C-alpha atoms as a PDB file:
ATOM      1  CA  MET A   1      49.622 108.423  84.486  1.00  0.00           C
ATOM      2  CA  LYS A   2      53.302 109.003  85.049  1.00  0.00           C
ATOM      3  CA  PRO A   3      54.456 112.598  84.943  1.00  0.00           C
ATOM      4  CA  THR A   4      56.319 113.641  81.866  1.00  0.00           C
ATOM      5  CA  ILE A   5      59.290 115.796  81.293  1.00  0.00           C
ATOM      6  CA  ARG A   6      57.037 118.346  79.642  1.00  0.00           C
ATOM      7  CA  GLU A   7      55.099 118.666  82.875  1.00  0.00           C
ATOM      8  CA  VAL A   8      58.230 119.152  84.860  1.00  0.00           C
ATOM      9  CA  ALA A   9      59.420 121.934  82.439  1.00  0.00           C
ATOM     10  CA  LYS A  10      56.002 123.609  82.633  1.00  0.00           C
ATOM     11  CA  MET A  11      55.936 123.548  86.536  1.00  0.00           C
ATOM     12  CA  ALA A  12      59.490 124.835  86.659  1.00  0.00           C
ATOM     13  CA  GLY A  13      58.935 127.406  83.954  1.00  0.00           C
ATOM     14  CA  VAL A  14      61.844 126.266  81.868  1.00  0.00           C
ATOM     15  CA  SER A  15      62.368 124.490  78.552  1.00  0.00           C
ATOM     16  CA  ILE A  16      62.440 120.652  78.201  1.00  0.00           C
ATOM     17  CA  SER A  17      66.139 120.796  77.238  1.00  0.00           C
ATOM     18  CA  THR A  18      66.809 122.704  80.445  1.00  0.00           C
ATOM     19  CA  VAL A  19      65.239 119.909  82.490  1.00  0.00           C
ATOM     20  CA  SER A  20      67.437 117.393  80.547  1.00  0.00           C
ATOM     21  CA  ARG A  21      70.493 119.425  81.267  1.00  0.00           C
ATOM     22  CA  VAL A  22      69.672 119.463  85.001  1.00  0.00           C
ATOM     23  CA  MET A  23      69.376 115.594  84.990  1.00  0.00           C
ATOM     24  CA  ASN A  24      72.470 114.912  82.946  1.00  0.00           C
ATOM     25  CA  ALA A  25      74.786 117.992  83.331  1.00  0.00           C
ATOM     26  CA  PRO A  26      73.525 120.034  86.268  1.00  0.00           C
ATOM     27  CA  ASP A  27      76.620 122.266  86.409  1.00  0.00           C
ATOM     28  CA  THR A  28      75.735 123.788  83.014  1.00  0.00           C
ATOM     29  CA  VAL A  29      72.390 125.144  84.524  1.00  0.00           C
ATOM     30  CA  VAL A  30      72.221 128.369  86.587  1.00  0.00           C
ATOM     31  CA  GLU A  31      71.385 127.547  90.198  1.00  0.00           C
ATOM     32  CA  SER A  32      68.052 129.437  90.207  1.00  0.00           C
ATOM     33  CA  LYS A  33      66.658 127.319  87.266  1.00  0.00           C
ATOM     34  CA  ARG A  34      68.275 124.150  88.649  1.00  0.00           C
ATOM     35  CA  SER A  35      66.452 124.561  91.915  1.00  0.00           C
ATOM     36  CA  ARG A  36      63.165 125.094  90.322  1.00  0.00           C
ATOM     37  CA  VAL A  37      63.622 122.035  88.156  1.00  0.00           C
ATOM     38  CA  ILE A  38      64.714 119.862  91.167  1.00  0.00           C
ATOM     39  CA  GLU A  39      61.662 121.082  93.191  1.00  0.00           C
ATOM     40  CA  ALA A  40      59.341 120.124  90.211  1.00  0.00           C
ATOM     41  CA  ILE A  41      60.933 116.720  89.860  1.00  0.00           C
ATOM     42  CA  GLU A  42      60.430 116.020  93.527  1.00  0.00           C
ATOM     43  CA  ALA A  43      56.864 117.456  93.607  1.00  0.00           C
ATOM     44  CA  LEU A  44      55.807 115.344  90.571  1.00  0.00           C
ATOM     45  CA  LYS A  45      57.867 112.345  91.535  1.00  0.00           C
ATOM     46  CA  TYR A  46      59.133 112.349  88.011  1.00  0.00           C
ATOM     47  CA  GLN A  47      61.409 109.477  86.920  1.00  0.00           C
ATOM     48  CA  PRO A  48      63.461 110.203  83.703  1.00  0.00           C
ATOM     49  CA  ASN A  49      62.534 108.068  80.665  1.00  0.00           C
ATOM     50  CA  ALA A  50      65.700 106.397  79.254  1.00  0.00           C
ATOM     51  CA  PHE A  51      64.276 106.388  75.732  1.00  0.00           C
ATOM     52  CA  ALA A  52      63.450 110.074  75.844  1.00  0.00           C
ATOM     53  CA  ARG A  53      66.782 110.797  77.273  1.00  0.00           C
ATOM     54  CA  GLY A  54      68.311 108.927  74.309  1.00  0.00           C
ATOM     55  CA  LEU A  55      66.397 110.907  71.792  1.00  0.00           C
ATOM     56  CA  ILE A  56      67.588 114.192  73.234  1.00  0.00           C
ATOM     57  CA  TYR A  57      71.229 113.146  73.353  1.00  0.00           C
ATOM     58  CA  LYS A  58      71.169 110.880  70.429  1.00  0.00           C
ATOM     59  CA  LYS A  59      72.548 108.061  72.586  1.00  0.00           C
ATOM     60  CA  SER A  60      71.060 104.882  73.964  1.00  0.00           C
ATOM     61  CA  PHE A  61      73.340 104.874  77.029  1.00  0.00           C
ATOM     62  CA  THR A  62      73.855 101.193  76.471  1.00  0.00           C
ATOM     63  CA  LEU A  63      77.140  99.323  75.845  1.00  0.00           C
ATOM     64  CA  GLY A  64      77.474  95.929  74.212  1.00  0.00           C
ATOM     65  CA  LEU A  65      79.839  93.228  75.441  1.00  0.00           C
ATOM     66  CA  LEU A  66      80.922  90.304  73.209  1.00  0.00           C
ATOM     67  CA  ILE A  67      82.183  87.372  75.318  1.00  0.00           C
ATOM     68  CA  PRO A  68      83.523  84.204  73.648  1.00  0.00           C
ATOM     69  CA  ASP A  69      82.567  81.739  76.374  1.00  0.00           C
ATOM     70  CA  ILE A  70      80.268  82.852  79.253  1.00  0.00           C
ATOM     71  CA  GLU A  71      80.763  79.515  81.012  1.00  0.00           C
ATOM     72  CA  ASN A  72      84.475  80.143  81.329  1.00  0.00           C
ATOM     73  CA  MET A  73      85.211  81.318  84.916  1.00  0.00           C
ATOM     74  CA  TYR A  74      87.602  83.984  83.695  1.00  0.00           C
ATOM     75  CA  PHE A  75      84.890  85.990  81.961  1.00  0.00           C
ATOM     76  CA  ALA A  76      82.788  86.220  85.203  1.00  0.00           C
ATOM     77  CA  GLY A  77      85.458  88.708  86.542  1.00  0.00           C
ATOM     78  CA  VAL A  78      85.607  90.588  83.244  1.00  0.00           C
ATOM     79  CA  ILE A  79      81.848  90.840  83.064  1.00  0.00           C
ATOM     80  CA  ARG A  80      81.663  92.029  86.664  1.00  0.00           C
ATOM     81  CA  GLY A  81      84.331  94.787  85.884  1.00  0.00           C
ATOM     82  CA  VAL A  82      82.497  95.940  82.874  1.00  0.00           C
ATOM     83  CA  GLN A  83      79.134  95.976  84.629  1.00  0.00           C
ATOM     84  CA  ASP A  84      80.416  97.912  87.667  1.00  0.00           C
ATOM     85  CA  ALA A  85      82.018 100.565  85.394  1.00  0.00           C
ATOM     86  CA  CYS A  86      78.665 100.877  83.403  1.00  0.00           C
ATOM     87  CA  ILE A  87      76.827 101.503  86.638  1.00  0.00           C
ATOM     88  CA  LYS A  88      79.278 104.192  87.560  1.00  0.00           C
ATOM     89  CA  LEU A  89      79.228 105.718  84.117  1.00  0.00           C
ATOM     90  CA  GLY A  90      75.472 105.608  83.556  1.00  0.00           C
ATOM     91  CA  TYR A  91      75.236 102.842  80.986  1.00  0.00           C
ATOM     92  CA  SER A  92      73.146  99.681  80.622  1.00  0.00           C
ATOM     93  CA  LEU A  93      74.878  96.589  79.444  1.00  0.00           C
ATOM     94  CA  MET A  94      73.980  93.996  76.788  1.00  0.00           C
ATOM     95  CA  ILE A  95      76.003  90.778  76.967  1.00  0.00           C
ATOM     96  CA  CYS A  96      76.271  88.308  74.006  1.00  0.00           C
ATOM     97  CA  ASN A  97      77.995  84.954  74.157  1.00  0.00           C
ATOM     98  CA  THR A  98      79.689  84.295  70.763  1.00  0.00           C
ATOM     99  CA  ASP A  99      81.183  80.786  71.286  1.00  0.00           C
ATOM    100  CA  ARG A 100      83.953  82.164  68.922  1.00  0.00           C
ATOM    101  CA  ASP A 101      81.559  81.608  65.970  1.00  0.00           C
ATOM    102  CA  LYS A 102      82.091  84.067  63.213  1.00  0.00           C
ATOM    103  CA  GLU A 103      78.534  84.065  61.920  1.00  0.00           C
ATOM    104  CA  ARG A 104      77.061  84.465  65.368  1.00  0.00           C
ATOM    105  CA  THR A 105      79.457  87.288  66.166  1.00  0.00           C
ATOM    106  CA  LEU A 106      78.586  89.209  63.095  1.00  0.00           C
ATOM    107  CA  SER A 107      74.944  88.644  63.881  1.00  0.00           C
ATOM    108  CA  TYR A 108      75.380  90.130  67.262  1.00  0.00           C
ATOM    109  CA  ILE A 109      77.084  93.223  65.888  1.00  0.00           C
ATOM    110  CA  ASP A 110      74.026  93.731  63.700  1.00  0.00           C
ATOM    111  CA  THR A 111      71.831  93.336  66.738  1.00  0.00           C
ATOM    112  CA  PHE A 112      73.852  95.933  68.636  1.00  0.00           C
ATOM    113  CA  HIS A 113      73.513  98.170  65.594  1.00  0.00           C
ATOM    114  CA  GLU A 114      69.726  97.731  65.551  1.00  0.00           C
ATOM    115  CA  LYS A 115      69.572  98.364  69.262  1.00  0.00           C
ATOM    116  CA  GLN A 116      71.698 101.557  68.717  1.00  0.00           C
ATOM    117  CA  VAL A 117      74.274 100.704  71.403  1.00  0.00           C
ATOM    118  CA  ASP A 118      76.829 103.451  71.866  1.00  0.00           C
ATOM    119  CA  GLY A 119      79.742 101.217  71.816  1.00  0.00           C
ATOM    120  CA  VAL A 120      81.058  97.724  72.142  1.00  0.00           C
ATOM    121  CA  VAL A 121      83.663  95.990  74.430  1.00  0.00           C
ATOM    122  CA  PHE A 122      85.074  93.106  72.462  1.00  0.00           C
ATOM    123  CA  ALA A 123      86.602  90.418  74.808  1.00  0.00           C
ATOM    124  CA  SER A 124      89.352  87.937  74.364  1.00  0.00           C
ATOM    125  CA  ASP A 125      88.987  87.007  70.724  1.00  0.00           C
ATOM    126  CA  ILE A 126      90.694  87.594  67.414  1.00  0.00           C
ATOM    127  CA  LEU A 127      89.625  90.752  65.673  1.00  0.00           C
ATOM    128  CA  TYR A 128      89.037  89.220  62.272  1.00  0.00           C
ATOM    129  CA  PRO A 129      88.740  91.592  59.294  1.00  0.00           C
ATOM    130  CA  GLU A 130      85.081  90.716  58.985  1.00  0.00           C
ATOM    131  CA  TYR A 131      84.431  91.854  62.519  1.00  0.00           C
ATOM    132  CA  TYR A 132      86.451  95.049  62.137  1.00  0.00           C
ATOM    133  CA  GLU A 133      84.723  95.943  58.870  1.00  0.00           C
ATOM    134  CA  LYS A 134      81.281  95.349  60.301  1.00  0.00           C
ATOM    135  CA  LEU A 135      81.878  97.407  63.470  1.00  0.00           C
ATOM    136  CA  VAL A 136      83.356 100.251  61.423  1.00  0.00           C
ATOM    137  CA  GLY A 137      80.658  99.994  58.773  1.00  0.00           C
ATOM    138  CA  CYS A 138      77.970 100.151  61.460  1.00  0.00           C
ATOM    139  CA  ARG A 139      79.892 103.090  62.995  1.00  0.00           C
ATOM    140  CA  ILE A 140      80.120 101.471  66.320  1.00  0.00           C
ATOM    141  CA  PRO A 141      83.132 102.522  68.524  1.00  0.00           C
ATOM    142  CA  PHE A 142      84.711  99.632  70.172  1.00  0.00           C
ATOM    143  CA  VAL A 143      87.640  98.559  72.414  1.00  0.00           C
ATOM    144  CA  LEU A 144      89.387  95.196  72.893  1.00  0.00           C
ATOM    145  CA  VAL A 145      89.876  93.545  76.347  1.00  0.00           C
ATOM    146  CA  SER A 146      92.188  90.672  76.889  1.00  0.00           C
ATOM    147  CA  SER A 147      93.020  91.075  73.198  1.00  0.00           C
ATOM    148  CA  HIS A 148      94.766  93.316  70.875  1.00  0.00           C
ATOM    149  CA  SER A 149      95.194  93.917  67.056  1.00  0.00           C
ATOM    150  CA  ASP A 150      98.427  94.165  65.224  1.00  0.00           C
ATOM    151  CA  GLU A 151      96.626  94.833  62.038  1.00  0.00           C
ATOM    152  CA  TYR A 152      94.323  97.778  63.033  1.00  0.00           C
ATOM    153  CA  GLU A 153      94.732 100.763  65.312  1.00  0.00           C
ATOM    154  CA  VAL A 154      92.215  99.764  67.895  1.00  0.00           C
ATOM    155  CA  ALA A 155      92.135 100.705  71.596  1.00  0.00           C
ATOM    156  CA  SER A 156      92.862  97.746  73.909  1.00  0.00           C
ATOM    157  CA  VAL A 157      93.462  96.708  77.494  1.00  0.00           C
ATOM    158  CA  GLU A 158      95.330  93.491  78.341  1.00  0.00           C
ATOM    159  CA  VAL A 159      98.357  92.157  80.243  1.00  0.00           C
ATOM    160  CA  ASP A 160     101.686  91.481  78.606  1.00  0.00           C
ATOM    161  CA  ASP A 161     101.062  87.831  77.836  1.00  0.00           C
ATOM    162  CA  GLU A 162     104.627  87.194  76.587  1.00  0.00           C
ATOM    163  CA  LYS A 163     106.298  88.668  79.694  1.00  0.00           C
ATOM    164  CA  ALA A 164     103.724  86.946  82.040  1.00  0.00           C
ATOM    165  CA  ALA A 165     104.471  83.521  80.536  1.00  0.00           C
ATOM    166  CA  TYR A 166     108.218  84.252  80.692  1.00  0.00           C
ATOM    167  CA  ASP A 167     107.889  85.047  84.438  1.00  0.00           C
ATOM    168  CA  ALA A 168     105.994  81.769  85.025  1.00  0.00           C
ATOM    169  CA  VAL A 169     108.607  79.569  83.390  1.00  0.00           C
ATOM    170  CA  LYS A 170     111.492  81.493  84.847  1.00  0.00           C
ATOM    171  CA  PHE A 171     110.004  80.756  88.217  1.00  0.00           C
ATOM    172  CA  LEU A 172     109.964  77.067  87.531  1.00  0.00           C
ATOM    173  CA  ILE A 173     113.567  77.261  86.318  1.00  0.00           C
ATOM    174  CA  GLU A 174     114.564  79.012  89.506  1.00  0.00           C
ATOM    175  CA  LEU A 175     113.037  76.167  91.472  1.00  0.00           C
ATOM    176  CA  GLY A 176     115.497  73.835  89.796  1.00  0.00           C
ATOM    177  CA  HIS A 177     113.374  72.294  87.144  1.00  0.00           C
ATOM    178  CA  ARG A 178     115.086  71.340  83.955  1.00  0.00           C
ATOM    179  CA  GLU A 179     112.467  69.207  82.205  1.00  0.00           C
ATOM    180  CA  ILE A 180     109.524  71.593  81.621  1.00  0.00           C
ATOM    181  CA  GLY A 181     106.486  71.176  79.348  1.00  0.00           C
ATOM    182  CA  MET A 182     103.573  73.413  78.438  1.00  0.00           C
ATOM    183  CA  ILE A 183      99.800  73.105  77.841  1.00  0.00           C
ATOM    184  CA  GLY A 184      98.915  76.029  75.430  1.00  0.00           C
ATOM    185  CA  PHE A 185      95.888  77.408  73.535  1.00  0.00           C
ATOM    186  CA  ASN A 186      95.359  76.282  70.023  1.00  0.00           C
ATOM    187  CA  HIS A 187      96.709  79.132  67.946  1.00  0.00           C
ATOM    188  CA  ASP A 188      93.946  79.116  65.293  1.00  0.00           C
ATOM    189  CA  ASN A 189      91.464  80.791  67.677  1.00  0.00           C
ATOM    190  CA  SER A 190      93.547  82.474  70.295  1.00  0.00           C
ATOM    191  CA  VAL A 191      95.078  85.898  70.694  1.00  0.00           C
ATOM    192  CA  SER A 192      97.012  85.198  73.764  1.00  0.00           C
ATOM    193  CA  GLY A 193      98.228  81.667  72.726  1.00  0.00           C
ATOM    194  CA  PRO A 194     101.205  82.631  70.525  1.00  0.00           C
ATOM    195  CA  PRO A 195     102.821  85.281  72.912  1.00  0.00           C
ATOM    196  CA  ARG A 196     102.542  82.872  75.827  1.00  0.00           C
ATOM    197  CA  VAL A 197     104.384  80.296  73.824  1.00  0.00           C
ATOM    198  CA  ALA A 198     106.950  82.957  72.918  1.00  0.00           C
ATOM    199  CA  GLY A 199     107.516  83.703  76.615  1.00  0.00           C
ATOM    200  CA  PHE A 200     107.849  79.971  77.416  1.00  0.00           C
ATOM    201  CA  VAL A 201     110.475  79.604  74.722  1.00  0.00           C
ATOM    202  CA  ARG A 202     112.336  82.782  75.710  1.00  0.00           C
ATOM    203  CA  ALA A 203     112.697  81.774  79.328  1.00  0.00           C
ATOM    204  CA  LEU A 204     113.959  78.271  78.349  1.00  0.00           C
ATOM    205  CA  THR A 205     116.395  79.676  75.817  1.00  0.00           C
ATOM    206  CA  GLU A 206     117.889  82.153  78.128  1.00  0.00           C
ATOM    207  CA  SER A 207     118.667  79.316  80.577  1.00  0.00           C
ATOM    208  CA  GLY A 208     120.048  76.943  78.021  1.00  0.00           C
ATOM    209  CA  LEU A 209     117.074  74.737  78.139  1.00  0.00           C
ATOM    210  CA  GLU A 210     115.818  75.237  74.566  1.00  0.00           C
ATOM    211  CA  ARG A 211     115.606  71.378  74.182  1.00  0.00           C
ATOM    212  CA  ASN A 212     112.233  71.799  76.012  1.00  0.00           C
ATOM    213  CA  ALA A 213     110.885  74.368  73.530  1.00  0.00           C
ATOM    214  CA  GLY A 214     109.018  71.723  71.608  1.00  0.00           C
ATOM    215  CA  LYS A 215     107.447  70.023  74.600  1.00  0.00           C
ATOM    216  CA  ILE A 216     103.936  71.639  74.102  1.00  0.00           C
ATOM    217  CA  LYS A 217     100.473  70.194  73.694  1.00  0.00           C
ATOM    218  CA  TYR A 218      97.461  72.303  72.798  1.00  0.00           C
ATOM    219  CA  ALA A 219      93.893  72.531  73.965  1.00  0.00           C
ATOM    220  CA  ASN A 220      90.764  74.574  73.239  1.00  0.00           C
ATOM    221  CA  HIS A 221      89.943  76.506  76.270  1.00  0.00           C
ATOM    222  CA  ARG A 222      88.299  73.633  78.311  1.00  0.00           C
ATOM    223  CA  PHE A 223      89.243  71.446  81.286  1.00  0.00           C
ATOM    224  CA  GLU A 224      88.473  68.189  79.456  1.00  0.00           C
ATOM    225  CA  GLN A 225      90.713  69.161  76.571  1.00  0.00           C
ATOM    226  CA  ALA A 226      93.513  70.096  78.866  1.00  0.00           C
ATOM    227  CA  TYR A 227      93.189  66.755  80.552  1.00  0.00           C
ATOM    228  CA  GLN A 228      93.576  64.979  77.149  1.00  0.00           C
ATOM    229  CA  ALA A 229      96.491  67.320  76.303  1.00  0.00           C
ATOM    230  CA  SER A 230      98.146  66.359  79.574  1.00  0.00           C
ATOM    231  CA  HIS A 231      97.946  62.745  78.688  1.00  0.00           C
ATOM    232  CA  ASP A 232      99.537  63.415  75.258  1.00  0.00           C
ATOM    233  CA  LEU A 233     102.238  65.518  76.932  1.00  0.00           C
ATOM    234  CA  PHE A 234     103.345  63.032  79.504  1.00  0.00           C
ATOM    235  CA  THR A 235     103.022  60.083  77.058  1.00  0.00           C
ATOM    236  CA  ALA A 236     105.386  61.904  74.855  1.00  0.00           C
ATOM    237  CA  TYR A 237     107.686  63.310  77.578  1.00  0.00           C
ATOM    238  CA  PRO A 238     107.454  61.212  80.782  1.00  0.00           C
ATOM    239  CA  GLU A 239     110.637  62.873  82.096  1.00  0.00           C
ATOM    240  CA  LEU A 240     108.792  66.210  82.772  1.00  0.00           C
ATOM    241  CA  THR A 241     109.060  67.563  86.391  1.00  0.00           C
ATOM    242  CA  ALA A 242     107.117  70.795  85.717  1.00  0.00           C
ATOM    243  CA  VAL A 243     104.231  72.051  83.486  1.00  0.00           C
ATOM    244  CA  PHE A 244     103.311  75.670  82.562  1.00  0.00           C
ATOM    245  CA  CYS A 245      99.597  75.929  81.713  1.00  0.00           C
ATOM    246  CA  VAL A 246      98.246  78.952  79.920  1.00  0.00           C
ATOM    247  CA  ALA A 247      95.024  78.934  82.027  1.00  0.00           C
ATOM    248  CA  ASP A 248      94.028  77.967  85.454  1.00  0.00           C
ATOM    249  CA  GLU A 249      91.404  75.646  84.098  1.00  0.00           C
ATOM    250  CA  PHE A 250      94.164  73.916  82.102  1.00  0.00           C
ATOM    251  CA  ALA A 251      96.286  73.584  85.190  1.00  0.00           C
ATOM    252  CA  MET A 252      93.284  71.977  87.021  1.00  0.00           C
ATOM    253  CA  GLY A 253      92.956  69.516  84.137  1.00  0.00           C
ATOM    254  CA  THR A 254      96.630  68.752  84.218  1.00  0.00           C
ATOM    255  CA  ILE A 255      96.671  68.093  87.996  1.00  0.00           C
ATOM    256  CA  SER A 256      93.603  65.932  87.631  1.00  0.00           C
ATOM    257  CA  TYR A 257      95.249  63.846  85.044  1.00  0.00           C
ATOM    258  CA  LEU A 258      98.424  63.479  87.138  1.00  0.00           C
ATOM    259  CA  LYS A 259      96.304  62.507  90.185  1.00  0.00           C
ATOM    260  CA  ASP A 260      94.550  59.805  88.229  1.00  0.00           C
ATOM    261  CA  ARG A 261      97.940  58.369  87.303  1.00  0.00           C
ATOM    262  CA  ASN A 262      99.148  58.564  90.982  1.00  0.00           C
ATOM    263  CA  ILE A 263     101.677  61.225  90.132  1.00  0.00           C
ATOM    264  CA  LEU A 264     102.030  63.669  93.017  1.00  0.00           C
ATOM    265  CA  VAL A 265     101.666  67.442  92.599  1.00  0.00           C
ATOM    266  CA  PRO A 266     103.995  69.107  93.657  1.00  0.00           C
ATOM    267  CA  GLY A 267     105.855  65.987  95.032  1.00  0.00           C
ATOM    268  CA  GLN A 268     106.774  64.688  91.586  1.00  0.00           C
ATOM    269  CA  VAL A 269     105.572  67.415  89.190  1.00  0.00           C
ATOM    270  CA  SER A 270     105.090  71.123  89.726  1.00  0.00           C
ATOM    271  CA  VAL A 271     102.250  72.836  87.971  1.00  0.00           C
ATOM    272  CA  ILE A 272     101.753  76.595  87.367  1.00  0.00           C
ATOM    273  CA  GLY A 273      98.555  78.157  85.911  1.00  0.00           C
ATOM    274  CA  PHE A 274      97.605  81.483  84.480  1.00  0.00           C
ATOM    275  CA  ASP A 275      94.713  83.922  85.456  1.00  0.00           C
ATOM    276  CA  ASN A 276      94.295  83.417  89.232  1.00  0.00           C
ATOM    277  CA  LEU A 277      90.577  82.537  89.105  1.00  0.00           C
ATOM    278  CA  ARG A 278      88.686  82.415  92.414  1.00  0.00           C
ATOM    279  CA  MET A 279      88.830  78.649  92.252  1.00  0.00           C
ATOM    280  CA  SER A 280      92.664  78.683  92.126  1.00  0.00           C
ATOM    281  CA  GLY A 281      92.755  79.127  95.833  1.00  0.00           C
ATOM    282  CA  MET A 282      90.064  76.590  96.516  1.00  0.00           C
ATOM    283  CA  PHE A 283      91.437  73.734  94.326  1.00  0.00           C
ATOM    284  CA  ILE A 284      93.601  71.024  95.950  1.00  0.00           C
ATOM    285  CA  PRO A 285      96.494  71.653  95.689  1.00  0.00           C
ATOM    286  CA  LYS A 286      96.066  75.398  95.708  1.00  0.00           C
ATOM    287  CA  LEU A 287      97.352  76.724  92.448  1.00  0.00           C
ATOM    288  CA  THR A 288     100.503  78.669  91.820  1.00  0.00           C
ATOM    289  CA  THR A 289      99.526  80.921  89.035  1.00  0.00           C
ATOM    290  CA  ILE A 290     100.123  84.162  87.208  1.00  0.00           C
ATOM    291  CA  ALA A 291      97.406  86.592  88.301  1.00  0.00           C
ATOM    292  CA  GLN A 292      95.749  88.731  85.804  1.00  0.00           C
ATOM    293  CA  PRO A 293      93.837  91.683  87.144  1.00  0.00           C
ATOM    294  CA  ILE A 294      90.658  90.308  85.659  1.00  0.00           C
ATOM    295  CA  TYR A 295      88.070  92.574  87.257  1.00  0.00           C
ATOM    296  CA  GLN A 296      90.285  95.634  86.473  1.00  0.00           C
ATOM    297  CA  LEU A 297      90.649  94.597  82.876  1.00  0.00           C
ATOM    298  CA  GLY A 298      86.880  94.572  82.483  1.00  0.00           C
ATOM    299  CA  TYR A 299      86.447  97.856  84.386  1.00  0.00           C
ATOM    300  CA  ARG A 300      89.198  99.613  82.355  1.00  0.00           C
ATOM    301  CA  SER A 301      87.750  98.508  79.064  1.00  0.00           C
ATOM    302  CA  ALA A 302      84.455 100.151  79.837  1.00  0.00           C
ATOM    303  CA  GLU A 303      86.152 103.324  81.051  1.00  0.00           C
ATOM    304  CA  LYS A 304      88.276 103.375  77.956  1.00  0.00           C
ATOM    305  CA  LEU A 305      85.141 102.825  75.695  1.00  0.00           C
ATOM    306  CA  HIS A 306      83.477 105.791  77.588  1.00  0.00           C
ATOM    307  CA  GLU A 307      86.511 107.962  77.027  1.00  0.00           C
ATOM    308  CA  LEU A 308      86.393 107.096  73.304  1.00  0.00           C
ATOM    309  CA  LEU A 309      82.630 107.924  73.135  1.00  0.00           C
ATOM    310  CA  THR A 310      83.165 111.170  74.994  1.00  0.00           C
ATOM    311  CA  ASP A 311      86.466 112.512  73.579  1.00  0.00           C
ATOM    312  CA  GLY A 312      86.548 110.623  70.223  1.00  0.00           C
ATOM    313  CA  THR A 313      89.998 109.243  71.192  1.00  0.00           C
ATOM    314  CA  VAL A 314      91.858 107.628  74.005  1.00  0.00           C
ATOM    315  CA  SER A 315      94.878 108.769  75.849  1.00  0.00           C
ATOM    316  CA  VAL A 316      96.586 105.296  75.812  1.00  0.00           C
ATOM    317  CA  MET A 317      95.814 103.187  72.818  1.00  0.00           C
ATOM    318  CA  LYS A 318      97.363  99.878  73.838  1.00  0.00           C
ATOM    319  CA  GLU A 319      97.172  99.708  77.630  1.00  0.00           C
ATOM    320  CA  LYS A 320      99.020  96.945  79.574  1.00  0.00           C
ATOM    321  CA  LEU A 321      98.028  96.180  83.164  1.00  0.00           C
ATOM    322  CA  GLU A 322     100.406  94.470  85.566  1.00  0.00           C
ATOM    323  CA  HIS A 323     100.364  90.708  86.204  1.00  0.00           C
ATOM    324  CA  LYS A 324     101.682  89.109  89.354  1.00  0.00           C
ATOM    325  CA  LEU A 325     103.062  85.725  90.363  1.00  0.00           C
ATOM    326  CA  ILE A 326     101.047  84.121  93.077  1.00  0.00           C
ATOM    327  CA  ILE A 327     102.899  81.181  94.784  1.00  0.00           C
ATOM    328  CA  ARG A 328     100.765  78.489  96.401  1.00  0.00           C
ATOM    329  CA  GLU A 329     100.857  74.785  96.781  1.00  0.00           C
ATOM    330  CA  SER A 330     101.079  73.335  93.390  1.00  0.00           C
ATOM    331  CA  SER A 331     104.846  74.128  92.904  1.00  0.00           C
ATOM    332  CA  ARG A 332     108.056  73.264  94.835  1.00  0.00           C
ATOM    333  CA  GLU A 333     111.818  73.065  94.432  1.00  0.00           C
ATOM    334  CA  LYS A 334     113.037  70.180  92.338  1.00  0.00           C
END
């Protein structure tokens, strides 16, 4: 049989709670007792039982992560960041793919409650009132990543989507482009869609190109839909010489559409994406894009949730990480 914490305590001549403190907060135990406990653990080859540890501290040492589309390449980086932070901070991680389905999301929150997760990272989706009320009602602390809430005071980590989109379009304007279109996220299920449109419009307006502000077609987060949106965009506005896409996957869809129509990128049309996925530097042509610190967004969201769980509050409620323009082959001067 595996040795128990009770046997460790008996061999070391201390209480069970002292053994637990040695394992989880060793600095709170005097050295003489700490040494005896460590010797007993080594002699018995004791491995702490996570369930027992949870009972003592009234924690599961598990975090939940709600992801809207686990097939989306963007979320691979977010998940990796959250996972690495969890390893560092001593948590296990439960990942649930919501497909942006309300009933499924609410069901997963119930599951998290049943599994007694300590907190939840809520990724890249709208915080609908139903979600907020369910999380608060279940008393599950949570933070938002690649999202924010204007309605509720909730901790979040994201980039400045409006400014990032502005920088992308400003770059195209500085290259000499005057006929610029956009492939955007449908607004009915997107947090980042509206501010990225706002950045697009602001850059155009500042440069006296507001006539382009309506040259936008929308898609639902997928390559195939971006391909169709590109068809609709260039059918309506064949004069375009540049396109801002709100995701790298959209930029790939746009370039594929143009290639199928024998339109050269960047020879005839420049295309800029958003995210800087790993594929962005492998695609042909290599994508010019706005880089989000995807891994860091995931990592910081887990750190922020740990801060909330530990201190009951966070030092920065709405945290913005820096974006960066990455210039590659899919853009050129007009």
